Amino acid sequence: MRTIYENYRGFKVFQQTNSYVAIPNKTDDDNQDIMFRQWQLIEVLNTIDAYIEN
């Protein structure tokens, strides 16, 4: 596992074997277990952006 972004819009983004994963930096009681997994880095970053904008 290799960290790509330590804090991208409140998410830690890292690379696992064949995919990129993003998890929230903070674990709040209101925060459901959110995790985004995509095959390309740009896809996971776009998913985070869309999530934040909504």
C-alpha atoms as a PDB file:
ATOM      1  CA  MET A   1       0.000   0.000   0.000  1.00  0.00           C
ATOM      2  CA  ARG A   2       1.432   3.371  -1.050  1.00  0.00           C
ATOM      3  CA  THR A   3      -0.021   6.719   0.060  1.00  0.00           C
ATOM      4  CA  ILE A   4      -0.747   9.069  -2.848  1.00  0.00           C
ATOM      5  CA  TYR A   5      -2.424  11.951  -0.959  1.00  0.00           C
ATOM      6  CA  GLU A   6      -2.358  12.319   2.805  1.00  0.00           C
ATOM      7  CA  ASN A   7      -5.235  14.809   2.749  1.00  0.00           C
ATOM      8  CA  TYR A   8      -7.162  15.266  -0.492  1.00  0.00           C
ATOM      9  CA  ARG A   9     -10.333  17.145   0.445  1.00  0.00           C
ATOM     10  CA  GLY A  10     -10.446  15.302   3.770  1.00  0.00           C
ATOM     11  CA  PHE A  11      -9.621  11.861   2.364  1.00  0.00           C
ATOM     12  CA  LYS A  12      -6.488   9.763   2.460  1.00  0.00           C
ATOM     13  CA  VAL A  13      -5.837   8.305  -0.991  1.00  0.00           C
ATOM     14  CA  PHE A  14      -3.585   5.316  -1.420  1.00  0.00           C
ATOM     15  CA  GLN A  15      -2.752   2.696  -3.987  1.00  0.00           C
ATOM     16  CA  GLN A  16      -3.346  -0.956  -3.377  1.00  0.00           C
ATOM     17  CA  THR A  17      -2.280  -3.681  -5.757  1.00  0.00           C
ATOM     18  CA  ASN A  18      -4.506  -2.914  -8.755  1.00  0.00           C
ATOM     19  CA  SER A  19      -6.683  -0.059  -7.536  1.00  0.00           C
ATOM     20  CA  TYR A  20      -6.799   3.266  -5.725  1.00  0.00           C
ATOM     21  CA  VAL A  21      -8.661   3.635  -2.448  1.00  0.00           C
ATOM     22  CA  ALA A  22      -9.857   6.714  -0.563  1.00  0.00           C
ATOM     23  CA  ILE A  23     -10.988   6.765   3.054  1.00  0.00           C
ATOM     24  CA  PRO A  24     -11.946   9.742   5.236  1.00  0.00           C
ATOM     25  CA  ASN A  25      -9.182  11.151   7.435  1.00  0.00           C
ATOM     26  CA  LYS A  26     -11.505  11.670  10.398  1.00  0.00           C
ATOM     27  CA  THR A  27     -13.803   9.054  11.823  1.00  0.00           C
ATOM     28  CA  ASP A  28     -16.887  10.821  13.187  1.00  0.00           C
ATOM     29  CA  ASP A  29     -19.988   9.200  14.646  1.00  0.00           C
ATOM     30  CA  ASP A  30     -22.019  10.690  11.772  1.00  0.00           C
ATOM     31  CA  ASN A  31     -19.511   9.419   9.236  1.00  0.00           C
ATOM     32  CA  GLN A  32     -20.649   6.145   7.796  1.00  0.00           C
ATOM     33  CA  ASP A  33     -17.907   3.808   6.716  1.00  0.00           C
ATOM     34  CA  ILE A  34     -17.126   5.564   3.446  1.00  0.00           C
ATOM     35  CA  MET A  35     -14.582   4.096   1.090  1.00  0.00           C
ATOM     36  CA  PHE A  36     -14.105   4.743  -2.597  1.00  0.00           C
ATOM     37  CA  ARG A  37     -12.266   2.232  -4.750  1.00  0.00           C
ATOM     38  CA  GLN A  38     -11.491   2.764  -8.433  1.00  0.00           C
ATOM     39  CA  TRP A  39      -9.086   1.308 -10.971  1.00  0.00           C
ATOM     40  CA  GLN A  40      -7.640   4.691 -11.991  1.00  0.00           C
ATOM     41  CA  LEU A  41      -6.461   7.534  -9.774  1.00  0.00           C
ATOM     42  CA  ILE A  42      -8.431  10.180 -11.690  1.00  0.00           C
ATOM     43  CA  GLU A  43     -11.630   8.191 -11.148  1.00  0.00           C
ATOM     44  CA  VAL A  44     -11.224   8.060  -7.385  1.00  0.00           C
ATOM     45  CA  LEU A  45     -10.376  11.790  -7.259  1.00  0.00           C
ATOM     46  CA  ASN A  46     -13.457  12.615  -9.372  1.00  0.00           C
ATOM     47  CA  THR A  47     -15.583  10.450  -7.068  1.00  0.00           C
ATOM     48  CA  ILE A  48     -14.313  12.362  -4.025  1.00  0.00           C
ATOM     49  CA  ASP A  49     -15.013  15.687  -5.747  1.00  0.00           C
ATOM     50  CA  ALA A  50     -18.559  14.631  -6.639  1.00  0.00           C
ATOM     51  CA  TYR A  51     -19.164  13.390  -3.073  1.00  0.00           C
ATOM     52  CA  ILE A  52     -17.921  16.675  -1.539  1.00  0.00           C
ATOM     53  CA  GLU A  53     -19.963  18.825  -3.938  1.00  0.00           C
ATOM     54  CA  ASN A  54     -23.207  17.004  -3.044  1.00  0.00           C
END
